[in-house]
Amino acid sequence: MRVQLTDEERQALEIELHRLESEHRDLDAAIVALESLGKFDQLQVQRLKKRKLYLRDRLAAIADRLTPDIIA
């Protein structure tokens, strides 16, 4: 059972969610741009992809906290 979030906590989580979504999109665009150059630093692309995966996990965790429990 989850503890109810205060309005301030919910707002802070929503702001963080939007910030992470923006960073995730930016990383996606950077990866595509680097790969479209033809010759690129594979290690740099791997690091960007790893960061993107981390962001995806954080996004899922925050979204889970913002979604109320529904007993079925």
N, C-alpha and C. Protein backbone atom coordinates (compact mmCIF):
# COMPACT_ATOMS: atom_id res chain seq x y z
N MET A 1 0.83 -1.17 0.00
CA MET A 1 0.00 0.00 0.00
C MET A 1 0.89 1.25 0.00
N ARG A 2 0.58 2.17 -0.88
CA ARG A 2 1.35 3.40 -1.01
C ARG A 2 0.81 4.50 -0.12
N VAL A 3 1.73 5.37 0.29
CA VAL A 3 1.34 6.54 1.06
C VAL A 3 0.87 7.61 0.08
N GLN A 4 -0.20 8.30 0.43
CA GLN A 4 -0.75 9.36 -0.41
C GLN A 4 0.26 10.49 -0.55
N LEU A 5 0.47 10.97 -1.78
CA LEU A 5 1.38 12.07 -2.03
C LEU A 5 0.70 13.40 -1.71
N THR A 6 1.49 14.33 -1.17
CA THR A 6 0.97 15.68 -0.96
C THR A 6 0.96 16.38 -2.32
N ASP A 7 0.26 17.50 -2.39
CA ASP A 7 0.22 18.27 -3.64
C ASP A 7 1.61 18.72 -4.05
N GLU A 8 2.44 19.12 -3.08
CA GLU A 8 3.79 19.56 -3.37
C GLU A 8 4.65 18.42 -3.92
N GLU A 9 4.51 17.23 -3.31
CA GLU A 9 5.27 16.06 -3.78
C GLU A 9 4.84 15.68 -5.19
N ARG A 10 3.54 15.69 -5.43
CA ARG A 10 3.01 15.36 -6.76
C ARG A 10 3.53 16.36 -7.80
N GLN A 11 3.51 17.63 -7.46
CA GLN A 11 3.98 18.65 -8.38
C GLN A 11 5.48 18.48 -8.66
N ALA A 12 6.25 18.20 -7.63
CA ALA A 12 7.69 18.00 -7.81
C ALA A 12 7.96 16.79 -8.70
N LEU A 13 7.21 15.72 -8.51
CA LEU A 13 7.38 14.53 -9.34
C LEU A 13 6.99 14.80 -10.79
N GLU A 14 5.92 15.56 -10.99
CA GLU A 14 5.50 15.89 -12.36
C GLU A 14 6.54 16.76 -13.07
N ILE A 15 7.14 17.70 -12.34
CA ILE A 15 8.20 18.53 -12.92
C ILE A 15 9.40 17.67 -13.29
N GLU A 16 9.78 16.77 -12.38
CA GLU A 16 10.91 15.86 -12.66
C GLU A 16 10.58 14.96 -13.85
N LEU A 17 9.35 14.49 -13.94
CA LEU A 17 8.93 13.64 -15.05
C LEU A 17 9.09 14.37 -16.38
N HIS A 18 8.64 15.61 -16.43
CA HIS A 18 8.76 16.39 -17.67
C HIS A 18 10.21 16.67 -18.03
N ARG A 19 11.05 16.94 -17.01
CA ARG A 19 12.46 17.18 -17.25
C ARG A 19 13.15 15.94 -17.81
N LEU A 20 12.83 14.79 -17.23
CA LEU A 20 13.43 13.54 -17.69
C LEU A 20 12.93 13.17 -19.10
N GLU A 21 11.66 13.41 -19.37
CA GLU A 21 11.13 13.15 -20.72
C GLU A 21 11.84 14.00 -21.75
N SER A 22 12.09 15.25 -21.42
CA SER A 22 12.79 16.16 -22.32
C SER A 22 14.22 15.68 -22.57
N GLU A 23 14.91 15.29 -21.49
CA GLU A 23 16.28 14.79 -21.63
C GLU A 23 16.30 13.51 -22.46
N HIS A 24 15.31 12.64 -22.27
CA HIS A 24 15.22 11.39 -23.02
C HIS A 24 15.06 11.67 -24.51
N ARG A 25 14.19 12.62 -24.86
CA ARG A 25 14.00 13.01 -26.27
C ARG A 25 15.27 13.61 -26.85
N ASP A 26 15.94 14.45 -26.06
CA ASP A 26 17.18 15.07 -26.52
C ASP A 26 18.26 14.03 -26.79
N LEU A 27 18.36 13.04 -25.91
CA LEU A 27 19.33 11.97 -26.11
C LEU A 27 19.01 11.17 -27.36
N ASP A 28 17.74 10.92 -27.58
CA ASP A 28 17.33 10.19 -28.78
C ASP A 28 17.75 10.94 -30.04
N ALA A 29 17.52 12.24 -30.04
CA ALA A 29 17.89 13.08 -31.19
C ALA A 29 19.41 13.10 -31.36
N ALA A 30 20.15 13.16 -30.26
CA ALA A 30 21.61 13.17 -30.34
C ALA A 30 22.15 11.86 -30.90
N ILE A 31 21.56 10.76 -30.47
CA ILE A 31 21.99 9.44 -30.96
C ILE A 31 21.73 9.33 -32.46
N VAL A 32 20.55 9.72 -32.90
CA VAL A 32 20.21 9.67 -34.32
C VAL A 32 21.16 10.55 -35.12
N ALA A 33 21.45 11.75 -34.60
CA ALA A 33 22.34 12.67 -35.31
C ALA A 33 23.75 12.09 -35.43
N LEU A 34 24.24 11.51 -34.35
CA LEU A 34 25.59 10.92 -34.39
C LEU A 34 25.65 9.75 -35.36
N GLU A 35 24.63 8.90 -35.32
CA GLU A 35 24.63 7.73 -36.20
C GLU A 35 24.45 8.11 -37.66
N SER A 36 23.80 9.22 -37.91
CA SER A 36 23.59 9.64 -39.30
C SER A 36 24.86 10.21 -39.92
N LEU A 37 25.85 10.54 -39.10
CA LEU A 37 27.11 11.06 -39.63
C LEU A 37 27.90 10.00 -40.38
N GLY A 38 27.57 8.75 -40.15
CA GLY A 38 28.28 7.67 -40.82
C GLY A 38 29.41 7.15 -39.95
N LYS A 39 30.43 7.96 -39.74
CA LYS A 39 31.55 7.57 -38.88
C LYS A 39 31.39 8.31 -37.56
N PHE A 40 31.21 7.55 -36.47
CA PHE A 40 30.96 8.16 -35.17
C PHE A 40 31.66 7.37 -34.09
N ASP A 41 31.79 7.96 -32.93
CA ASP A 41 32.42 7.33 -31.77
C ASP A 41 31.42 6.35 -31.14
N GLN A 42 31.67 5.07 -31.33
CA GLN A 42 30.76 4.03 -30.84
C GLN A 42 30.64 4.08 -29.31
N LEU A 43 31.73 4.38 -28.63
CA LEU A 43 31.70 4.44 -27.17
C LEU A 43 30.78 5.57 -26.70
N GLN A 44 30.84 6.71 -27.37
CA GLN A 44 29.97 7.82 -27.02
C GLN A 44 28.50 7.45 -27.23
N VAL A 45 28.20 6.79 -28.33
CA VAL A 45 26.82 6.38 -28.60
C VAL A 45 26.35 5.37 -27.55
N GLN A 46 27.23 4.44 -27.16
CA GLN A 46 26.86 3.47 -26.13
C GLN A 46 26.55 4.16 -24.80
N ARG A 47 27.34 5.17 -24.46
CA ARG A 47 27.10 5.91 -23.21
C ARG A 47 25.77 6.66 -23.27
N LEU A 48 25.48 7.24 -24.40
CA LEU A 48 24.20 7.94 -24.56
C LEU A 48 23.03 6.97 -24.44
N LYS A 49 23.17 5.80 -25.05
CA LYS A 49 22.10 4.80 -24.98
C LYS A 49 21.91 4.28 -23.56
N LYS A 50 23.02 4.13 -22.84
CA LYS A 50 22.94 3.67 -21.45
C LYS A 50 22.23 4.71 -20.59
N ARG A 51 22.55 5.99 -20.81
CA ARG A 51 21.88 7.07 -20.09
C ARG A 51 20.39 7.09 -20.42
N LYS A 52 20.08 6.84 -21.70
CA LYS A 52 18.68 6.82 -22.14
C LYS A 52 17.91 5.69 -21.45
N LEU A 53 18.52 4.54 -21.29
CA LEU A 53 17.88 3.42 -20.58
C LEU A 53 17.66 3.76 -19.10
N TYR A 54 18.65 4.40 -18.49
CA TYR A 54 18.51 4.82 -17.10
C TYR A 54 17.32 5.78 -16.96
N LEU A 55 17.22 6.73 -17.89
CA LEU A 55 16.12 7.70 -17.86
C LEU A 55 14.77 7.00 -18.02
N ARG A 56 14.73 6.00 -18.91
CA ARG A 56 13.48 5.26 -19.11
C ARG A 56 13.04 4.58 -17.81
N ASP A 57 14.00 4.01 -17.09
CA ASP A 57 13.68 3.37 -15.81
C ASP A 57 13.20 4.39 -14.78
N ARG A 58 13.85 5.54 -14.72
CA ARG A 58 13.43 6.60 -13.79
C ARG A 58 12.04 7.11 -14.15
N LEU A 59 11.78 7.27 -15.46
CA LEU A 59 10.46 7.72 -15.91
C LEU A 59 9.38 6.73 -15.47
N ALA A 60 9.66 5.46 -15.62
CA ALA A 60 8.69 4.44 -15.23
C ALA A 60 8.45 4.46 -13.72
N ALA A 61 9.50 4.64 -12.94
CA ALA A 61 9.36 4.68 -11.48
C ALA A 61 8.54 5.88 -11.04
N ILE A 62 8.79 7.03 -11.64
CA ILE A 62 8.04 8.24 -11.27
C ILE A 62 6.59 8.12 -11.71
N ALA A 63 6.37 7.62 -12.92
CA ALA A 63 5.00 7.44 -13.40
C ALA A 63 4.24 6.48 -12.49
N ASP A 64 4.92 5.46 -12.00
CA ASP A 64 4.30 4.49 -11.09
C ASP A 64 3.90 5.17 -9.78
N ARG A 65 4.74 6.05 -9.28
CA ARG A 65 4.41 6.78 -8.04
C ARG A 65 3.24 7.73 -8.23
N LEU A 66 3.12 8.27 -9.44
CA LEU A 66 2.03 9.23 -9.70
C LEU A 66 0.70 8.54 -9.98
N THR A 67 0.75 7.27 -10.35
CA THR A 67 -0.47 6.53 -10.67
C THR A 67 -1.06 5.95 -9.38
N PRO A 68 -2.31 6.26 -9.09
CA PRO A 68 -2.91 5.74 -7.85
C PRO A 68 -3.12 4.23 -7.92
N ASP A 69 -3.04 3.60 -6.75
CA ASP A 69 -3.32 2.17 -6.67
C ASP A 69 -4.82 1.94 -6.89
N ILE A 70 -5.12 0.97 -7.74
CA ILE A 70 -6.51 0.60 -7.98
C ILE A 70 -6.66 -0.86 -7.62
N ILE A 71 -7.49 -1.12 -6.67
CA ILE A 71 -7.71 -2.49 -6.25
C ILE A 71 -8.76 -3.10 -7.16
N ALA A 72 -8.38 -4.18 -7.83
CA ALA A 72 -9.28 -4.81 -8.80
C ALA A 72 -9.93 -6.03 -8.18
